[in-house]
Every structure is written in C-alpha cells, then in structure tokens.
Amino acid sequence: MDQPEARFERNPEFIFRRIVDELVLVPVRQDVADMDCIYTMNPLGAFIWEKLDGRPTLQELEAAIGQAYEVDPRVAAADLFRFVEELESAGAVRRV
C-alpha cells in the first residue's frame, strides 16, 4: 500500500479494549465475540487504531506518529502501511 492520501475507518463490528496491560481487538458478530480472532496490539498499534476514524489520511497519521514517537519517518511510514494492510485484511478497517 503506497497511497498516502488513503483514509480508513474502524469497522464497528470490532471492539477495542484495554485489559490490564493488554490492548486487544475483538471481532463481534451478532453480539458474540469471536474468541478465535483476538488481536493484541502494542501501544503504537493502539495509537493508530484510535485515530482511524475516516478523517486523517495515512500521510497525516504518519506525521502524528512522528510527533508522538521518536522514529525515523521512513520506518513510521512502512510500519503504518503494513499495520493498516493487516487491519484491512482482517476486516477491522475499511477505506472511506
């Protein structure tokens, strides 16, 4: 994915929770959690997830990561694109 102007939003069928020291993303279908598909996130993943509301572009998210974390911009972009691709393939986010 090399589309810095792309925008994504969270799928409302996924819930995100902080449980003790774990950050988890769980798909919920027909009011039942799919326990076979629980995803754990690190703090950066949670930071990105919370910003995926359909408004910022990937380029804007990359800049936000750079402001919040000390990371090389190329590394931030590669990690962001890979993470969003994984979320999209899991059905957790969709393009807007």
Protein backbone atom coordinates (compact mmCIF):
# COMPACT_ATOMS: atom_id res chain seq x y z
CA MET A 1 0.00 0.00 0.00
CA ASP A 2 1.62 3.17 -1.16
CA GLN A 3 -1.32 5.55 -1.02
CA PRO A 4 -0.53 8.32 1.48
CA GLU A 5 -3.86 10.07 0.75
CA ALA A 6 -5.97 6.99 1.61
CA ARG A 7 -8.33 7.24 4.57
CA PHE A 8 -9.58 4.39 6.75
CA GLU A 9 -12.24 3.95 9.39
CA ARG A 10 -12.70 1.32 12.07
CA ASN A 11 -15.23 -1.43 11.49
CA PRO A 12 -17.87 -1.08 14.24
CA GLU A 13 -18.05 -4.89 14.41
CA PHE A 14 -14.68 -4.83 16.19
CA ILE A 15 -14.26 -3.71 19.78
CA PHE A 16 -11.04 -2.41 21.28
CA ARG A 17 -10.35 -2.81 24.98
CA ARG A 18 -7.53 -2.27 27.40
CA ILE A 19 -7.47 -5.28 29.71
CA VAL A 20 -4.88 -4.96 32.46
CA ASP A 21 -1.69 -4.41 30.42
CA GLU A 22 -3.05 -5.85 27.17
CA LEU A 23 -4.57 -3.92 24.29
CA VAL A 24 -6.98 -6.20 22.45
CA LEU A 25 -9.14 -6.01 19.35
CA VAL A 26 -12.01 -8.49 19.15
CA PRO A 27 -14.48 -9.01 16.30
CA VAL A 28 -18.07 -9.19 17.48
CA ARG A 29 -20.67 -10.84 15.32
CA GLN A 30 -24.31 -11.00 16.32
CA ASP A 31 -23.41 -9.89 19.87
CA VAL A 32 -20.95 -12.76 20.30
CA ALA A 33 -17.20 -12.25 20.45
CA ASP A 34 -15.16 -14.38 18.05
CA MET A 35 -12.60 -15.67 20.54
CA ASP A 36 -10.60 -17.36 17.78
CA CYS A 37 -9.71 -13.96 16.31
CA ILE A 38 -8.46 -11.83 19.19
CA TYR A 39 -5.71 -9.45 18.17
CA THR A 40 -3.31 -7.91 20.66
CA MET A 41 -1.72 -4.54 19.97
CA ASN A 42 1.28 -2.70 21.22
CA PRO A 43 0.93 0.97 22.28
CA LEU A 44 1.73 2.22 18.77
CA GLY A 45 -0.92 -0.06 17.27
CA ALA A 46 -3.45 1.26 19.78
CA PHE A 47 -2.40 4.84 18.97
CA ILE A 48 -3.06 4.20 15.27
CA TRP A 49 -6.33 2.32 15.91
CA GLU A 50 -7.76 5.19 17.94
CA LYS A 51 -7.03 7.63 15.09
CA LEU A 52 -8.65 5.55 12.34
CA ASP A 53 -11.95 7.42 12.22
CA GLY A 54 -12.04 8.14 8.48
CA ARG A 55 -10.72 11.68 8.75
CA PRO A 56 -6.89 11.62 8.67
CA THR A 57 -5.01 10.40 5.64
CA LEU A 58 -2.25 7.88 6.07
CA GLN A 59 0.20 10.72 5.50
CA GLU A 60 -1.37 12.67 8.37
CA LEU A 61 -1.24 9.58 10.57
CA GLU A 62 2.42 9.18 9.71
CA ALA A 63 3.05 12.77 10.85
CA ALA A 64 1.11 12.13 14.08
CA ILE A 65 3.26 9.08 14.77
CA GLY A 66 6.38 11.17 14.18
CA GLN A 67 5.18 13.76 16.70
CA ALA A 68 4.20 11.22 19.35
CA TYR A 69 7.12 8.81 18.96
CA GLU A 70 10.77 9.30 18.12
CA VAL A 71 11.01 7.24 14.96
CA ASP A 72 12.55 7.58 11.52
CA PRO A 73 9.82 8.82 9.11
CA ARG A 74 10.57 6.01 6.61
CA VAL A 75 10.22 3.39 9.34
CA ALA A 76 6.98 5.04 10.57
CA ALA A 77 5.52 5.01 7.06
CA ALA A 78 6.45 1.38 6.40
CA ASP A 79 5.12 0.21 9.77
CA LEU A 80 1.91 2.24 9.41
CA PHE A 81 1.17 0.94 5.91
CA ARG A 82 1.88 -2.67 6.93
CA PHE A 83 -0.29 -2.38 10.06
CA VAL A 84 -3.22 -0.83 8.17
CA GLU A 85 -2.94 -3.52 5.49
CA GLU A 86 -3.15 -6.18 8.21
CA LEU A 87 -6.18 -4.49 9.77
CA GLU A 88 -7.84 -4.22 6.37
CA SER A 89 -7.23 -7.88 5.52
CA ALA A 90 -8.70 -8.87 8.92
CA GLY A 91 -11.78 -6.74 8.18
CA ALA A 92 -11.11 -4.44 11.14
CA VAL A 93 -10.89 -1.29 8.98
CA ARG A 94 -12.21 -0.18 5.63
CA ARG A 95 -11.33 2.55 3.17
CA VAL A 96 -13.53 5.61 3.07
